[in-house]
């Protein structure tokens, strides 16, 4: 018998933390619109929509939805690749410890939590009971 795992719940918490960071980044973009940076409306809305999508994925993980696990892994791999590119290219990105933890550590932790054979079986479709 398989042991129940709490790895999806840990990934849920990390995804909610990441969604909070994105939502706050989106909200902090709106005051720049008052200063004349009109394009910040689009960036702020995009960040808030990404945060909302991440919350939906987090809820799907707790409910053990296969599609939510797949999308969450794709999102985190994309975030990790983008963060590593941002660290490697000399574009003036922040390279401090907080930036490393939120941009590299957090997606990497979610990927590690959701990968593996045990997680594939935890998110597998339930077997139909014979005779019902």
N, C-alpha and C. Protein backbone atom coordinates (compact mmCIF):
# COMPACT_ATOMS: atom_id res chain seq x y z
N UNK A 1 0.84 -1.18 0.00
CA UNK A 1 0.00 0.00 0.00
C UNK A 1 0.89 1.24 0.00
N UNK A 2 0.52 2.21 -0.82
CA UNK A 2 1.30 3.44 -0.91
C UNK A 2 1.06 4.31 0.31
N UNK A 3 2.15 4.92 0.77
CA UNK A 3 2.02 5.86 1.88
C UNK A 3 1.52 7.19 1.34
N UNK A 4 0.61 7.84 2.04
CA UNK A 4 0.19 9.17 1.59
C UNK A 4 1.34 10.16 1.78
N UNK A 5 1.45 11.11 0.89
CA UNK A 5 2.53 12.08 0.95
C UNK A 5 1.95 13.48 1.10
N UNK A 6 2.69 14.34 1.73
CA UNK A 6 2.27 15.73 1.89
C UNK A 6 3.04 16.66 0.96
N UNK A 7 3.72 16.10 -0.02
CA UNK A 7 4.47 16.92 -0.96
C UNK A 7 3.59 17.87 -1.77
N UNK A 8 2.39 17.46 -2.21
CA UNK A 8 1.53 18.43 -2.91
C UNK A 8 1.12 19.61 -2.03
N UNK A 9 0.92 19.38 -0.74
CA UNK A 9 0.56 20.47 0.16
C UNK A 9 1.74 21.43 0.35
N UNK A 10 2.95 20.90 0.39
CA UNK A 10 4.13 21.77 0.48
C UNK A 10 4.28 22.59 -0.80
N UNK A 11 4.04 21.95 -1.95
CA UNK A 11 4.10 22.68 -3.22
C UNK A 11 2.98 23.72 -3.28
N UNK A 12 1.82 23.42 -2.71
CA UNK A 12 0.71 24.37 -2.63
C UNK A 12 1.15 25.63 -1.90
N UNK A 13 1.78 25.45 -0.76
CA UNK A 13 2.24 26.60 0.03
C UNK A 13 3.27 27.41 -0.75
N UNK A 14 4.23 26.75 -1.39
CA UNK A 14 5.25 27.47 -2.14
C UNK A 14 4.66 28.20 -3.34
N UNK A 15 3.69 27.58 -4.01
CA UNK A 15 3.05 28.26 -5.13
C UNK A 15 2.23 29.46 -4.66
N UNK A 16 1.59 29.36 -3.51
CA UNK A 16 0.87 30.52 -2.98
C UNK A 16 1.83 31.64 -2.60
N UNK A 17 2.98 31.30 -2.06
CA UNK A 17 3.98 32.32 -1.75
C UNK A 17 4.45 33.00 -3.03
N UNK A 18 4.70 32.22 -4.07
CA UNK A 18 5.12 32.78 -5.34
C UNK A 18 4.02 33.65 -5.95
N UNK A 19 2.78 33.23 -5.84
CA UNK A 19 1.66 34.03 -6.35
C UNK A 19 1.55 35.35 -5.59
N UNK A 20 1.81 35.31 -4.29
CA UNK A 20 1.79 36.54 -3.50
C UNK A 20 2.86 37.51 -3.98
N UNK A 21 4.05 37.00 -4.25
CA UNK A 21 5.13 37.86 -4.76
C UNK A 21 4.74 38.50 -6.08
N UNK A 22 4.14 37.71 -6.98
CA UNK A 22 3.74 38.24 -8.28
C UNK A 22 2.60 39.24 -8.15
N UNK A 23 1.66 38.99 -7.25
CA UNK A 23 0.55 39.92 -7.06
C UNK A 23 1.05 41.26 -6.50
N UNK A 24 1.97 41.19 -5.55
CA UNK A 24 2.53 42.43 -5.01
C UNK A 24 3.35 43.18 -6.05
N UNK A 25 4.06 42.45 -6.90
CA UNK A 25 4.80 43.11 -7.97
C UNK A 25 3.83 43.78 -8.94
N UNK A 26 2.71 43.14 -9.22
CA UNK A 26 1.71 43.73 -10.10
C UNK A 26 1.08 44.97 -9.50
N UNK A 27 0.76 44.91 -8.21
CA UNK A 27 0.17 46.07 -7.55
C UNK A 27 1.16 47.23 -7.44
N UNK A 28 2.42 46.91 -7.24
CA UNK A 28 3.42 47.99 -7.11
C UNK A 28 3.73 48.64 -8.45
N UNK A 29 3.28 48.07 -9.56
CA UNK A 29 3.49 48.69 -10.86
C UNK A 29 2.50 49.81 -11.12
N UNK A 30 1.34 49.78 -10.49
CA UNK A 30 0.30 50.76 -10.78
C UNK A 30 0.64 52.20 -10.40
N UNK A 31 1.35 52.48 -9.31
CA UNK A 31 1.69 53.89 -9.04
C UNK A 31 2.57 54.52 -10.13
N UNK A 32 3.31 53.73 -10.85
CA UNK A 32 4.14 54.28 -11.93
C UNK A 32 3.29 54.81 -13.08
N UNK A 33 2.06 54.31 -13.19
CA UNK A 33 1.15 54.80 -14.23
C UNK A 33 0.83 56.28 -13.96
N UNK A 34 0.69 56.65 -12.70
CA UNK A 34 0.43 58.04 -12.35
C UNK A 34 1.60 58.95 -12.73
N UNK A 35 2.79 58.38 -12.79
CA UNK A 35 3.97 59.14 -13.17
C UNK A 35 4.19 59.22 -14.67
N UNK A 36 3.30 58.64 -15.45
CA UNK A 36 3.40 58.74 -16.89
C UNK A 36 3.86 57.48 -17.60
N UNK A 37 4.16 56.43 -16.88
CA UNK A 37 4.59 55.17 -17.48
C UNK A 37 3.35 54.33 -17.78
N UNK A 38 2.70 54.62 -18.90
CA UNK A 38 1.40 54.01 -19.20
C UNK A 38 1.52 52.51 -19.44
N UNK A 39 2.63 52.03 -19.98
CA UNK A 39 2.78 50.60 -20.27
C UNK A 39 2.81 49.75 -19.01
N UNK A 40 3.00 50.38 -17.84
CA UNK A 40 3.03 49.62 -16.59
C UNK A 40 1.66 49.05 -16.23
N UNK A 41 0.59 49.58 -16.83
CA UNK A 41 -0.74 49.00 -16.60
C UNK A 41 -0.75 47.55 -17.11
N UNK A 42 -0.22 47.36 -18.31
CA UNK A 42 -0.18 46.01 -18.89
C UNK A 42 0.70 45.08 -18.09
N UNK A 43 1.86 45.56 -17.65
CA UNK A 43 2.75 44.71 -16.86
C UNK A 43 2.14 44.36 -15.50
N UNK A 44 1.47 45.34 -14.90
CA UNK A 44 0.82 45.08 -13.61
C UNK A 44 -0.32 44.07 -13.75
N UNK A 45 -1.13 44.25 -14.78
CA UNK A 45 -2.23 43.30 -15.00
C UNK A 45 -1.71 41.90 -15.34
N UNK A 46 -0.65 41.84 -16.13
CA UNK A 46 -0.08 40.53 -16.46
C UNK A 46 0.44 39.83 -15.21
N UNK A 47 1.07 40.56 -14.31
CA UNK A 47 1.56 39.96 -13.07
C UNK A 47 0.42 39.48 -12.19
N UNK A 48 -0.64 40.27 -12.12
CA UNK A 48 -1.78 39.87 -11.29
C UNK A 48 -2.48 38.65 -11.90
N UNK A 49 -2.61 38.60 -13.23
CA UNK A 49 -3.22 37.43 -13.87
C UNK A 49 -2.36 36.18 -13.68
N UNK A 50 -1.04 36.34 -13.74
CA UNK A 50 -0.14 35.22 -13.49
C UNK A 50 -0.29 34.72 -12.05
N UNK A 51 -0.45 35.65 -11.12
CA UNK A 51 -0.66 35.27 -9.72
C UNK A 51 -1.97 34.51 -9.56
N UNK A 52 -3.02 34.96 -10.24
CA UNK A 52 -4.31 34.27 -10.16
C UNK A 52 -4.22 32.86 -10.75
N UNK A 53 -3.54 32.73 -11.89
CA UNK A 53 -3.35 31.42 -12.51
C UNK A 53 -2.56 30.49 -11.60
N UNK A 54 -1.56 31.03 -10.92
CA UNK A 54 -0.75 30.23 -10.00
C UNK A 54 -1.59 29.76 -8.82
N UNK A 55 -2.49 30.61 -8.33
CA UNK A 55 -3.39 30.19 -7.24
C UNK A 55 -4.30 29.05 -7.69
N UNK A 56 -4.79 29.12 -8.92
CA UNK A 56 -5.63 28.05 -9.45
C UNK A 56 -4.83 26.75 -9.55
N UNK A 57 -3.59 26.85 -10.00
CA UNK A 57 -2.73 25.66 -10.06
C UNK A 57 -2.48 25.09 -8.67
N UNK A 58 -2.27 25.96 -7.69
CA UNK A 58 -2.02 25.49 -6.33
C UNK A 58 -3.23 24.74 -5.78
N UNK A 59 -4.42 25.24 -6.05
CA UNK A 59 -5.63 24.56 -5.61
C UNK A 59 -5.76 23.20 -6.31
N UNK A 60 -5.41 23.17 -7.60
CA UNK A 60 -5.44 21.91 -8.33
C UNK A 60 -4.46 20.89 -7.78
N UNK A 61 -3.32 21.35 -7.28
CA UNK A 61 -2.35 20.42 -6.68
C UNK A 61 -2.90 19.78 -5.42
N UNK A 62 -3.58 20.57 -4.60
CA UNK A 62 -4.14 20.02 -3.36
C UNK A 62 -5.22 19.01 -3.68
N UNK A 63 -5.93 19.24 -4.77
CA UNK A 63 -6.98 18.30 -5.19
C UNK A 63 -6.45 17.14 -6.03
N UNK A 64 -5.12 17.09 -6.19
CA UNK A 64 -4.42 16.01 -6.90
C UNK A 64 -4.85 15.91 -8.36
N UNK A 65 -4.94 17.03 -9.03
CA UNK A 65 -5.27 17.05 -10.45
C UNK A 65 -4.01 16.86 -11.27
N UNK A 66 -4.03 15.90 -12.19
CA UNK A 66 -2.86 15.63 -13.03
C UNK A 66 -2.48 16.82 -13.88
N UNK A 67 -3.49 17.47 -14.44
CA UNK A 67 -3.23 18.61 -15.31
C UNK A 67 -2.60 19.76 -14.53
N UNK A 68 -3.00 19.96 -13.28
CA UNK A 68 -2.42 21.02 -12.46
C UNK A 68 -0.95 20.73 -12.17
N UNK A 69 -0.62 19.47 -11.93
CA UNK A 69 0.78 19.11 -11.68
C UNK A 69 1.62 19.37 -12.92
N UNK A 70 1.10 18.99 -14.08
CA UNK A 70 1.81 19.18 -15.34
C UNK A 70 2.03 20.66 -15.62
N UNK A 71 0.98 21.47 -15.46
CA UNK A 71 1.10 22.90 -15.71
C UNK A 71 2.02 23.57 -14.68
N UNK A 72 1.95 23.14 -13.44
CA UNK A 72 2.82 23.72 -12.40
C UNK A 72 4.28 23.42 -12.69
N UNK A 73 4.57 22.18 -13.11
CA UNK A 73 5.95 21.85 -13.48
C UNK A 73 6.41 22.69 -14.67
N UNK A 74 5.56 22.87 -15.66
CA UNK A 74 5.92 23.69 -16.81
C UNK A 74 6.16 25.14 -16.43
N UNK A 75 5.30 25.67 -15.57
CA UNK A 75 5.47 27.06 -15.12
C UNK A 75 6.76 27.23 -14.35
N UNK A 76 7.07 26.31 -13.47
CA UNK A 76 8.27 26.44 -12.65
C UNK A 76 9.54 26.23 -13.46
N UNK A 77 9.52 25.33 -14.44
CA UNK A 77 10.68 25.16 -15.31
C UNK A 77 10.90 26.43 -16.12
N UNK A 78 9.82 27.03 -16.61
CA UNK A 78 9.93 28.28 -17.36
C UNK A 78 10.49 29.40 -16.48
N UNK A 79 10.00 29.49 -15.25
CA UNK A 79 10.51 30.51 -14.32
C UNK A 79 11.98 30.27 -13.99
N UNK A 80 12.36 29.03 -13.81
CA UNK A 80 13.74 28.71 -13.48
C UNK A 80 14.67 29.02 -14.65
N UNK A 81 14.28 28.67 -15.86
CA UNK A 81 15.10 28.97 -17.04
C UNK A 81 15.24 30.48 -17.22
N UNK A 82 14.12 31.20 -17.07
CA UNK A 82 14.17 32.66 -17.19
C UNK A 82 15.04 33.29 -16.13
N UNK A 83 14.97 32.80 -14.92
CA UNK A 83 15.79 33.34 -13.84
C UNK A 83 17.28 33.06 -14.06
N UNK A 84 17.59 31.86 -14.54
CA UNK A 84 18.99 31.54 -14.81
C UNK A 84 19.54 32.39 -15.95
N UNK A 85 18.72 32.62 -16.97
CA UNK A 85 19.15 33.52 -18.05
C UNK A 85 19.36 34.93 -17.54
N UNK A 86 18.49 35.38 -16.66
CA UNK A 86 18.61 36.71 -16.09
C UNK A 86 19.88 36.82 -15.25
N UNK A 87 20.26 35.75 -14.58
CA UNK A 87 21.48 35.77 -13.78
C UNK A 87 22.73 35.74 -14.65
N UNK A 88 22.67 35.04 -15.79
CA UNK A 88 23.85 34.89 -16.63
C UNK A 88 24.10 36.11 -17.51
N UNK A 89 23.02 36.75 -17.98
CA UNK A 89 23.18 37.89 -18.88
C UNK A 89 23.46 39.16 -18.09
N UNK A 90 24.34 40.01 -18.59
CA UNK A 90 24.66 41.25 -17.87
C UNK A 90 23.63 42.35 -18.16
N UNK A 91 22.42 42.21 -17.61
CA UNK A 91 21.38 43.20 -17.88
C UNK A 91 21.03 44.02 -16.65
N UNK A 92 21.79 43.91 -15.60
CA UNK A 92 21.54 44.71 -14.40
C UNK A 92 20.53 44.10 -13.45
N UNK A 93 20.32 42.81 -13.52
CA UNK A 93 19.38 42.15 -12.62
C UNK A 93 19.99 42.04 -11.22
N UNK A 94 19.14 41.97 -10.23
CA UNK A 94 19.58 41.83 -8.85
C UNK A 94 20.12 40.42 -8.62
N UNK A 95 21.30 40.32 -8.03
CA UNK A 95 21.94 39.03 -7.78
C UNK A 95 22.10 38.74 -6.29
N UNK A 96 21.29 39.39 -5.45
CA UNK A 96 21.40 39.20 -4.01
C UNK A 96 20.79 37.89 -3.55
N UNK A 97 20.92 37.58 -2.25
CA UNK A 97 20.42 36.31 -1.74
C UNK A 97 18.89 36.21 -1.79
N UNK A 98 18.19 37.30 -1.60
CA UNK A 98 16.72 37.26 -1.66
C UNK A 98 16.29 36.96 -3.09
N UNK A 99 16.94 37.58 -4.04
CA UNK A 99 16.62 37.33 -5.45
C UNK A 99 16.91 35.88 -5.82
N UNK A 100 18.01 35.36 -5.35
CA UNK A 100 18.34 33.95 -5.64
C UNK A 100 17.32 33.00 -5.02
N UNK A 101 16.87 33.29 -3.81
CA UNK A 101 15.92 32.40 -3.15
C UNK A 101 14.55 32.44 -3.82
N UNK A 102 14.08 33.64 -4.22
CA UNK A 102 12.75 33.72 -4.81
C UNK A 102 12.73 33.36 -6.28
N UNK A 103 13.82 33.63 -7.00
CA UNK A 103 13.84 33.39 -8.45
C UNK A 103 14.41 32.02 -8.83
N UNK A 104 15.26 31.47 -8.00
CA UNK A 104 15.87 30.18 -8.32
C UNK A 104 15.46 29.11 -7.30
N UNK A 105 15.58 29.43 -6.03
CA UNK A 105 15.30 28.44 -4.99
C UNK A 105 13.85 28.00 -4.93
N UNK A 106 12.93 28.96 -5.02
CA UNK A 106 11.51 28.63 -4.93
C UNK A 106 11.03 27.76 -6.09
N UNK A 107 11.31 28.12 -7.36
CA UNK A 107 10.90 27.22 -8.45
C UNK A 107 11.58 25.86 -8.39
N UNK A 108 12.86 25.85 -8.00
CA UNK A 108 13.58 24.58 -7.90
C UNK A 108 12.97 23.69 -6.82
N UNK A 109 12.56 24.27 -5.71
CA UNK A 109 11.92 23.49 -4.64
C UNK A 109 10.59 22.89 -5.11
N UNK A 110 9.81 23.66 -5.85
CA UNK A 110 8.53 23.15 -6.35
C UNK A 110 8.76 22.02 -7.35
N UNK A 111 9.77 22.18 -8.21
CA UNK A 111 10.08 21.14 -9.19
C UNK A 111 10.49 19.85 -8.48
N UNK A 112 11.34 19.98 -7.46
CA UNK A 112 11.79 18.79 -6.73
C UNK A 112 10.61 18.13 -6.01
N UNK A 113 9.70 18.93 -5.47
CA UNK A 113 8.55 18.36 -4.76
C UNK A 113 7.60 17.63 -5.70
N UNK A 114 7.45 18.11 -6.93
CA UNK A 114 6.44 17.53 -7.82
C UNK A 114 6.98 16.48 -8.78
N UNK A 115 8.29 16.28 -8.85
CA UNK A 115 8.85 15.30 -9.77
C UNK A 115 8.89 13.93 -9.12
N UNK A 116 9.03 12.92 -9.96
CA UNK A 116 9.26 11.57 -9.46
C UNK A 116 8.09 10.63 -9.66
N UNK A 117 8.41 9.36 -9.55
CA UNK A 117 7.42 8.31 -9.76
C UNK A 117 6.35 8.33 -8.67
N UNK A 118 6.75 8.64 -7.44
CA UNK A 118 5.79 8.66 -6.35
C UNK A 118 4.73 9.75 -6.57
N UNK A 119 5.16 10.89 -7.11
CA UNK A 119 4.20 11.97 -7.36
C UNK A 119 3.32 11.65 -8.56
N UNK A 120 3.86 10.96 -9.55
CA UNK A 120 3.02 10.56 -10.69
C UNK A 120 1.91 9.63 -10.22
N UNK A 121 2.23 8.72 -9.31
CA UNK A 121 1.19 7.81 -8.82
C UNK A 121 0.22 8.53 -7.88
N UNK A 122 0.70 9.53 -7.15
CA UNK A 122 -0.19 10.28 -6.26
C UNK A 122 -1.20 11.10 -7.06
N UNK A 123 -0.81 11.50 -8.27
CA UNK A 123 -1.71 12.29 -9.12
C UNK A 123 -2.39 11.45 -10.18
N UNK A 124 -2.25 10.13 -10.12
CA UNK A 124 -2.87 9.26 -11.11
C UNK A 124 -4.38 9.23 -10.93
N UNK A 125 -5.04 8.89 -11.99
CA UNK A 125 -6.51 8.79 -11.94
C UNK A 125 -6.88 7.65 -11.00
N UNK A 126 -7.91 7.84 -10.19
CA UNK A 126 -8.32 6.76 -9.28
C UNK A 126 -8.85 5.56 -10.06
N UNK A 127 -8.56 4.40 -9.56
CA UNK A 127 -9.02 3.18 -10.19
C UNK A 127 -10.51 3.01 -9.96
N UNK A 128 -11.19 2.54 -10.98
CA UNK A 128 -12.62 2.29 -10.87
C UNK A 128 -12.85 1.04 -10.03
N UNK A 129 -13.79 1.13 -9.13
CA UNK A 129 -14.12 -0.01 -8.28
C UNK A 129 -15.01 -0.96 -9.05
N UNK A 130 -14.68 -2.25 -9.10
CA UNK A 130 -15.54 -3.20 -9.83
C UNK A 130 -16.87 -3.39 -9.11
N UNK A 131 -17.90 -3.49 -9.89
CA UNK A 131 -19.21 -3.76 -9.33
C UNK A 131 -19.98 -2.52 -8.90
N UNK A 132 -19.42 -1.36 -9.08
CA UNK A 132 -20.16 -0.15 -8.71
C UNK A 132 -20.58 0.62 -9.91
